[in-house]
């Protein structure tokens, strides 16, 4: 594992909300705004940008936690900016605080956690559940 980042370092991910991101279940749109599911995917990606830098070839990241506090909606066509800030890095687990914004308006905030493990260990862990 490469220790390239310091506490307080920031990774940013930007994307535009599309129709595929709206809140829906089984093909039925519930709200025509960005869904929690889509937001979670993109938040995890923002913090994963740290993991991608840090992993050796025989390592991979795996999510350990995700907290989302919704503050306002992101509409189709809105450009969201997700800023993940490295809060802690203890042993092999990194915790990031994040904010999601549309312009100056905060859409969500919370934290994510990911561990960096050897790929063969992840396969071993998952195989115990087969």
N, C-alpha and C. Protein backbone atom coordinates (compact mmCIF):
# COMPACT_ATOMS: atom_id res chain seq x y z
N UNK A 1 0.85 -1.17 0.00
CA UNK A 1 0.00 0.00 0.00
C UNK A 1 0.90 1.24 0.00
N UNK A 2 0.57 2.13 -0.91
CA UNK A 2 1.34 3.37 -1.01
C UNK A 2 0.69 4.43 -0.12
N UNK A 3 1.47 5.05 0.69
CA UNK A 3 0.96 6.13 1.56
C UNK A 3 1.31 7.47 0.91
N UNK A 4 0.48 7.83 -0.07
CA UNK A 4 0.75 9.01 -0.88
C UNK A 4 0.04 10.26 -0.37
N UNK A 5 -0.98 10.07 0.43
CA UNK A 5 -1.84 11.19 0.81
C UNK A 5 -1.71 11.53 2.28
N UNK A 6 -1.99 12.79 2.57
CA UNK A 6 -1.98 13.28 3.95
C UNK A 6 -3.40 13.60 4.38
N UNK A 7 -3.62 13.57 5.68
CA UNK A 7 -4.93 13.97 6.21
C UNK A 7 -5.23 15.38 5.72
N UNK A 8 -6.47 15.58 5.30
CA UNK A 8 -6.88 16.87 4.77
C UNK A 8 -6.80 16.97 3.26
N UNK A 9 -6.13 16.01 2.60
CA UNK A 9 -6.09 16.01 1.13
C UNK A 9 -7.50 15.83 0.58
N UNK A 10 -7.75 16.39 -0.59
CA UNK A 10 -9.09 16.39 -1.19
C UNK A 10 -9.04 15.79 -2.59
N UNK A 11 -10.01 14.97 -2.90
CA UNK A 11 -10.26 14.47 -4.25
C UNK A 11 -11.64 14.97 -4.66
N UNK A 12 -11.77 15.38 -5.91
CA UNK A 12 -13.03 15.94 -6.40
C UNK A 12 -13.51 15.17 -7.62
N UNK A 13 -14.81 14.91 -7.65
CA UNK A 13 -15.44 14.23 -8.78
C UNK A 13 -16.66 15.05 -9.20
N UNK A 14 -16.75 15.33 -10.49
CA UNK A 14 -17.87 16.10 -11.04
C UNK A 14 -18.64 15.26 -12.04
N UNK A 15 -19.94 15.42 -12.05
CA UNK A 15 -20.77 14.78 -13.08
C UNK A 15 -22.11 15.49 -13.17
N UNK A 16 -22.80 15.25 -14.28
CA UNK A 16 -24.11 15.84 -14.51
C UNK A 16 -25.17 14.77 -14.23
N UNK A 17 -26.21 15.16 -13.49
CA UNK A 17 -27.31 14.24 -13.16
C UNK A 17 -28.13 14.00 -14.42
N UNK A 18 -28.40 12.72 -14.70
CA UNK A 18 -29.16 12.32 -15.89
C UNK A 18 -30.48 11.66 -15.48
N UNK A 19 -31.30 11.39 -16.45
CA UNK A 19 -32.58 10.69 -16.21
C UNK A 19 -32.35 9.34 -15.54
N UNK A 20 -31.24 8.69 -15.85
CA UNK A 20 -30.95 7.37 -15.26
C UNK A 20 -30.67 7.46 -13.76
N UNK A 21 -30.41 8.66 -13.25
CA UNK A 21 -30.08 8.84 -11.84
C UNK A 21 -31.29 9.12 -10.94
N UNK A 22 -32.47 9.31 -11.53
CA UNK A 22 -33.62 9.71 -10.71
C UNK A 22 -34.10 8.57 -9.82
N UNK A 23 -34.78 8.96 -8.75
CA UNK A 23 -35.28 8.00 -7.77
C UNK A 23 -36.43 7.19 -8.37
N UNK A 24 -36.19 5.90 -8.54
CA UNK A 24 -37.23 5.02 -9.09
C UNK A 24 -37.05 3.62 -8.54
N UNK A 25 -38.18 2.91 -8.49
CA UNK A 25 -38.17 1.52 -8.07
C UNK A 25 -38.97 0.71 -9.07
N UNK A 26 -38.36 -0.35 -9.59
CA UNK A 26 -39.02 -1.25 -10.53
C UNK A 26 -39.63 -0.49 -11.69
N UNK A 27 -38.89 0.48 -12.20
CA UNK A 27 -39.32 1.23 -13.38
C UNK A 27 -40.28 2.36 -13.11
N UNK A 28 -40.68 2.57 -11.87
CA UNK A 28 -41.62 3.63 -11.52
C UNK A 28 -40.86 4.78 -10.84
N UNK A 29 -40.90 5.95 -11.46
CA UNK A 29 -40.23 7.11 -10.88
C UNK A 29 -40.98 7.56 -9.64
N UNK A 30 -40.24 7.73 -8.55
CA UNK A 30 -40.82 8.19 -7.29
C UNK A 30 -40.67 9.70 -7.18
N UNK A 31 -39.46 10.18 -7.42
CA UNK A 31 -39.16 11.61 -7.40
C UNK A 31 -38.25 11.89 -8.58
N UNK A 32 -38.47 12.98 -9.25
CA UNK A 32 -37.65 13.31 -10.41
C UNK A 32 -36.42 14.12 -9.99
N UNK A 33 -35.67 13.57 -9.04
CA UNK A 33 -34.42 14.15 -8.55
C UNK A 33 -33.41 13.01 -8.41
N UNK A 34 -32.16 13.36 -8.19
CA UNK A 34 -31.12 12.34 -8.03
C UNK A 34 -31.46 11.43 -6.85
N UNK A 35 -31.41 10.14 -7.09
CA UNK A 35 -31.74 9.16 -6.05
C UNK A 35 -30.60 9.00 -5.05
N UNK A 36 -30.94 8.51 -3.89
CA UNK A 36 -29.93 8.20 -2.87
C UNK A 36 -28.95 7.17 -3.42
N UNK A 37 -29.47 6.19 -4.13
CA UNK A 37 -28.62 5.14 -4.71
C UNK A 37 -27.56 5.74 -5.65
N UNK A 38 -28.00 6.61 -6.56
CA UNK A 38 -27.07 7.21 -7.51
C UNK A 38 -26.06 8.10 -6.80
N UNK A 39 -26.54 8.85 -5.83
CA UNK A 39 -25.66 9.72 -5.07
C UNK A 39 -24.61 8.88 -4.33
N UNK A 40 -25.04 7.78 -3.73
CA UNK A 40 -24.13 6.89 -3.00
C UNK A 40 -23.03 6.36 -3.92
N UNK A 41 -23.41 5.95 -5.11
CA UNK A 41 -22.43 5.42 -6.08
C UNK A 41 -21.36 6.47 -6.36
N UNK A 42 -21.79 7.69 -6.61
CA UNK A 42 -20.85 8.74 -6.98
C UNK A 42 -20.01 9.21 -5.79
N UNK A 43 -20.59 9.20 -4.61
CA UNK A 43 -19.83 9.55 -3.40
C UNK A 43 -18.74 8.51 -3.17
N UNK A 44 -19.09 7.24 -3.29
CA UNK A 44 -18.09 6.19 -3.11
C UNK A 44 -16.98 6.33 -4.14
N UNK A 45 -17.33 6.71 -5.37
CA UNK A 45 -16.31 6.88 -6.40
C UNK A 45 -15.34 7.99 -6.01
N UNK A 46 -15.87 9.10 -5.49
CA UNK A 46 -15.01 10.23 -5.11
C UNK A 46 -13.98 9.80 -4.07
N UNK A 47 -14.40 9.03 -3.07
CA UNK A 47 -13.43 8.59 -2.06
C UNK A 47 -12.55 7.46 -2.59
N UNK A 48 -13.06 6.70 -3.53
CA UNK A 48 -12.26 5.63 -4.15
C UNK A 48 -11.08 6.19 -4.93
N UNK A 49 -11.16 7.43 -5.34
CA UNK A 49 -10.04 8.04 -6.06
C UNK A 49 -8.77 8.01 -5.20
N UNK A 50 -8.91 8.11 -3.88
CA UNK A 50 -7.75 7.94 -2.99
C UNK A 50 -7.24 6.50 -3.07
N UNK A 51 -8.17 5.56 -2.99
CA UNK A 51 -7.81 4.13 -2.99
C UNK A 51 -7.07 3.77 -4.27
N UNK A 52 -7.54 4.27 -5.41
CA UNK A 52 -6.89 3.95 -6.69
C UNK A 52 -5.44 4.40 -6.70
N UNK A 53 -5.15 5.52 -6.07
CA UNK A 53 -3.77 6.00 -5.97
C UNK A 53 -2.93 5.12 -5.06
N UNK A 54 -3.54 4.58 -4.02
CA UNK A 54 -2.81 3.94 -2.94
C UNK A 54 -2.58 2.44 -3.11
N UNK A 55 -3.42 1.78 -3.89
CA UNK A 55 -3.33 0.33 -4.02
C UNK A 55 -2.12 -0.11 -4.84
N UNK A 56 -1.48 -1.15 -4.36
CA UNK A 56 -0.47 -1.86 -5.16
C UNK A 56 -1.24 -2.77 -6.12
N UNK A 57 -0.53 -3.39 -7.07
CA UNK A 57 -1.19 -4.24 -8.07
C UNK A 57 -1.95 -5.41 -7.46
N UNK A 58 -1.50 -5.89 -6.30
CA UNK A 58 -2.15 -7.05 -5.67
C UNK A 58 -3.16 -6.64 -4.60
N UNK A 59 -3.58 -5.37 -4.60
CA UNK A 59 -4.51 -4.86 -3.60
C UNK A 59 -5.76 -4.28 -4.26
N UNK A 60 -6.81 -4.18 -3.45
CA UNK A 60 -8.08 -3.60 -3.90
C UNK A 60 -8.77 -2.96 -2.71
N UNK A 61 -9.60 -1.97 -2.99
CA UNK A 61 -10.38 -1.32 -1.94
C UNK A 61 -11.73 -1.99 -1.80
N UNK A 62 -12.27 -1.92 -0.59
CA UNK A 62 -13.59 -2.47 -0.32
C UNK A 62 -14.29 -1.52 0.66
N UNK A 63 -15.54 -1.18 0.35
CA UNK A 63 -16.28 -0.24 1.18
C UNK A 63 -16.59 -0.79 2.55
N UNK A 64 -16.52 0.09 3.56
CA UNK A 64 -16.84 -0.32 4.93
C UNK A 64 -18.00 0.47 5.52
N UNK A 65 -18.25 1.67 5.00
CA UNK A 65 -19.37 2.46 5.51
C UNK A 65 -19.67 3.61 4.56
N UNK A 66 -20.92 4.06 4.65
CA UNK A 66 -21.36 5.21 3.87
C UNK A 66 -22.52 5.86 4.61
N UNK A 67 -22.36 7.14 4.90
CA UNK A 67 -23.40 7.92 5.56
C UNK A 67 -23.76 9.08 4.64
N UNK A 68 -25.06 9.24 4.38
CA UNK A 68 -25.52 10.32 3.52
C UNK A 68 -26.56 11.14 4.28
N UNK A 69 -26.28 12.41 4.41
CA UNK A 69 -27.24 13.35 4.99
C UNK A 69 -27.69 14.26 3.84
N UNK A 70 -28.94 14.07 3.41
CA UNK A 70 -29.50 14.90 2.34
C UNK A 70 -29.81 16.30 2.86
N UNK A 71 -29.44 17.30 2.07
CA UNK A 71 -29.69 18.68 2.46
C UNK A 71 -30.55 19.43 1.45
N UNK A 72 -30.45 19.05 0.18
CA UNK A 72 -31.28 19.64 -0.88
C UNK A 72 -31.21 18.73 -2.09
N UNK A 73 -32.15 18.86 -3.03
CA UNK A 73 -32.17 17.96 -4.18
C UNK A 73 -31.16 18.35 -5.26
N UNK A 74 -30.76 17.35 -6.03
CA UNK A 74 -30.00 17.57 -7.26
C UNK A 74 -30.93 17.16 -8.40
N UNK A 75 -31.18 18.07 -9.30
CA UNK A 75 -32.14 17.86 -10.39
C UNK A 75 -31.43 17.35 -11.64
N UNK A 76 -32.21 16.73 -12.53
CA UNK A 76 -31.67 16.30 -13.81
C UNK A 76 -31.09 17.53 -14.52
N UNK A 77 -29.88 17.38 -14.99
CA UNK A 77 -29.18 18.47 -15.66
C UNK A 77 -28.24 19.24 -14.74
N UNK A 78 -28.41 19.10 -13.42
CA UNK A 78 -27.51 19.76 -12.48
C UNK A 78 -26.13 19.11 -12.54
N UNK A 79 -25.10 19.94 -12.44
CA UNK A 79 -23.73 19.43 -12.33
C UNK A 79 -23.39 19.38 -10.84
N UNK A 80 -23.12 18.17 -10.36
CA UNK A 80 -22.74 18.03 -8.96
C UNK A 80 -21.23 17.96 -8.85
N UNK A 81 -20.73 18.49 -7.74
CA UNK A 81 -19.31 18.39 -7.42
C UNK A 81 -19.22 17.70 -6.06
N UNK A 82 -18.51 16.59 -6.04
CA UNK A 82 -18.32 15.83 -4.81
C UNK A 82 -16.86 16.00 -4.39
N UNK A 83 -16.67 16.54 -3.20
CA UNK A 83 -15.33 16.72 -2.65
C UNK A 83 -15.16 15.79 -1.47
N UNK A 84 -14.24 14.84 -1.59
CA UNK A 84 -13.93 13.90 -0.52
C UNK A 84 -12.63 14.35 0.14
N UNK A 85 -12.67 14.47 1.47
CA UNK A 85 -11.51 14.92 2.23
C UNK A 85 -11.04 13.79 3.13
N UNK A 86 -9.77 13.44 3.03
CA UNK A 86 -9.22 12.36 3.84
C UNK A 86 -9.18 12.79 5.30
N UNK A 87 -10.03 12.12 6.11
CA UNK A 87 -10.13 12.45 7.54
C UNK A 87 -9.14 11.64 8.37
N UNK A 88 -9.16 10.31 8.18
CA UNK A 88 -8.24 9.44 8.92
C UNK A 88 -7.74 8.34 8.00
N UNK A 89 -6.58 7.84 8.32
CA UNK A 89 -6.04 6.66 7.65
C UNK A 89 -5.33 5.85 8.70
N UNK A 90 -6.02 4.80 9.19
CA UNK A 90 -5.52 3.99 10.28
C UNK A 90 -5.34 2.57 9.78
N UNK A 91 -4.11 2.08 9.87
CA UNK A 91 -3.74 0.76 9.36
C UNK A 91 -4.07 0.72 7.88
N UNK A 92 -5.15 0.03 7.50
CA UNK A 92 -5.50 -0.09 6.08
C UNK A 92 -6.88 0.50 5.77
N UNK A 93 -7.44 1.27 6.69
CA UNK A 93 -8.77 1.84 6.46
C UNK A 93 -8.69 3.36 6.38
N UNK A 94 -9.29 3.90 5.31
CA UNK A 94 -9.35 5.34 5.20
C UNK A 94 -10.79 5.79 5.35
N UNK A 95 -10.96 6.90 6.03
CA UNK A 95 -12.27 7.52 6.24
C UNK A 95 -12.21 8.90 5.60
N UNK A 96 -13.24 9.20 4.81
CA UNK A 96 -13.33 10.51 4.16
C UNK A 96 -14.61 11.20 4.57
N UNK A 97 -14.52 12.50 4.84
CA UNK A 97 -15.69 13.36 4.91
C UNK A 97 -15.93 13.82 3.48
N UNK A 98 -17.17 14.11 3.15
CA UNK A 98 -17.44 14.60 1.80
C UNK A 98 -18.56 15.63 1.84
N UNK A 99 -18.60 16.42 0.80
CA UNK A 99 -19.73 17.31 0.53
C UNK A 99 -20.09 17.16 -0.94
N UNK A 100 -21.38 17.26 -1.20
CA UNK A 100 -21.89 17.28 -2.57
C UNK A 100 -22.54 18.63 -2.77
N UNK A 101 -22.15 19.31 -3.84
CA UNK A 101 -22.70 20.64 -4.11
C UNK A 101 -23.17 20.76 -5.55
N UNK A 102 -24.17 21.62 -5.73
CA UNK A 102 -24.55 22.13 -7.04
C UNK A 102 -24.27 23.62 -6.94
N UNK A 103 -23.21 24.07 -7.59
CA UNK A 103 -22.78 25.46 -7.41
C UNK A 103 -22.41 25.68 -5.96
N UNK A 104 -23.00 26.70 -5.35
CA UNK A 104 -22.73 26.99 -3.93
C UNK A 104 -23.69 26.27 -2.99
N UNK A 105 -24.71 25.61 -3.54
CA UNK A 105 -25.74 24.95 -2.73
C UNK A 105 -25.29 23.55 -2.34
N UNK A 106 -25.34 23.26 -1.04
CA UNK A 106 -24.95 21.93 -0.56
C UNK A 106 -26.12 20.97 -0.72
N UNK A 107 -25.85 19.84 -1.37
CA UNK A 107 -26.85 18.80 -1.64
C UNK A 107 -26.80 17.71 -0.57
N UNK A 108 -25.59 17.34 -0.16
CA UNK A 108 -25.44 16.26 0.83
C UNK A 108 -24.07 16.38 1.48
N UNK A 109 -23.96 15.70 2.63
CA UNK A 109 -22.68 15.59 3.32
C UNK A 109 -22.69 14.31 4.13
N UNK A 110 -21.52 13.89 4.55
CA UNK A 110 -21.42 12.68 5.34
C UNK A 110 -20.02 12.13 5.33
N UNK A 111 -19.91 10.80 5.44
CA UNK A 111 -18.60 10.17 5.42
C UNK A 111 -18.66 8.83 4.71
N UNK A 112 -17.48 8.41 4.27
CA UNK A 112 -17.33 7.10 3.65
C UNK A 112 -16.13 6.41 4.29
N UNK A 113 -16.12 5.09 4.21
CA UNK A 113 -14.98 4.32 4.68
C UNK A 113 -14.64 3.24 3.69
N UNK A 114 -13.35 3.01 3.50
CA UNK A 114 -12.88 1.93 2.64
C UNK A 114 -11.62 1.34 3.24
N UNK A 115 -11.49 0.02 3.09
CA UNK A 115 -10.27 -0.66 3.50
C UNK A 115 -9.53 -1.10 2.26
N UNK A 116 -8.23 -1.13 2.36
CA UNK A 116 -7.38 -1.65 1.30
C UNK A 116 -6.88 -3.02 1.76
N UNK A 117 -7.23 -4.03 0.97
CA UNK A 117 -6.86 -5.41 1.30
C UNK A 117 -6.18 -6.07 0.11
N UNK A 118 -5.48 -7.15 0.39
CA UNK A 118 -4.92 -7.96 -0.69
C UNK A 118 -6.08 -8.59 -1.46
N UNK A 119 -5.97 -8.64 -2.77
CA UNK A 119 -7.04 -9.19 -3.62
C UNK A 119 -7.34 -10.64 -3.25
N UNK A 120 -6.30 -11.42 -2.97
CA UNK A 120 -6.53 -12.83 -2.63
C UNK A 120 -7.28 -12.97 -1.30
N UNK A 121 -7.09 -12.04 -0.37
CA UNK A 121 -7.82 -12.07 0.89
C UNK A 121 -9.31 -11.77 0.65
N UNK A 122 -9.59 -10.82 -0.22
CA UNK A 122 -10.98 -10.50 -0.54
C UNK A 122 -11.67 -11.70 -1.16
N UNK A 123 -10.99 -12.37 -2.09
CA UNK A 123 -11.57 -13.58 -2.71
C UNK A 123 -11.80 -14.66 -1.66
N UNK A 124 -10.87 -14.83 -0.76
CA UNK A 124 -11.01 -15.81 0.32
C UNK A 124 -12.21 -15.47 1.21
N UNK A 125 -12.34 -14.23 1.60
CA UNK A 125 -13.47 -13.81 2.45
C UNK A 125 -14.79 -14.07 1.75
N UNK A 126 -14.90 -13.66 0.48
CA UNK A 126 -16.15 -13.85 -0.25
C UNK A 126 -16.48 -15.31 -0.47
N UNK A 127 -15.45 -16.15 -0.64
CA UNK A 127 -15.70 -17.57 -0.89
C UNK A 127 -16.32 -18.27 0.32
N UNK A 128 -16.14 -17.72 1.51
CA UNK A 128 -16.74 -18.35 2.70
C UNK A 128 -18.25 -18.20 2.70
N UNK A 129 -18.79 -17.35 1.84
CA UNK A 129 -20.24 -17.12 1.80
C UNK A 129 -20.90 -17.83 0.62
N UNK A 130 -20.14 -18.58 -0.14
CA UNK A 130 -20.71 -19.29 -1.30
C UNK A 130 -21.44 -20.52 -0.89
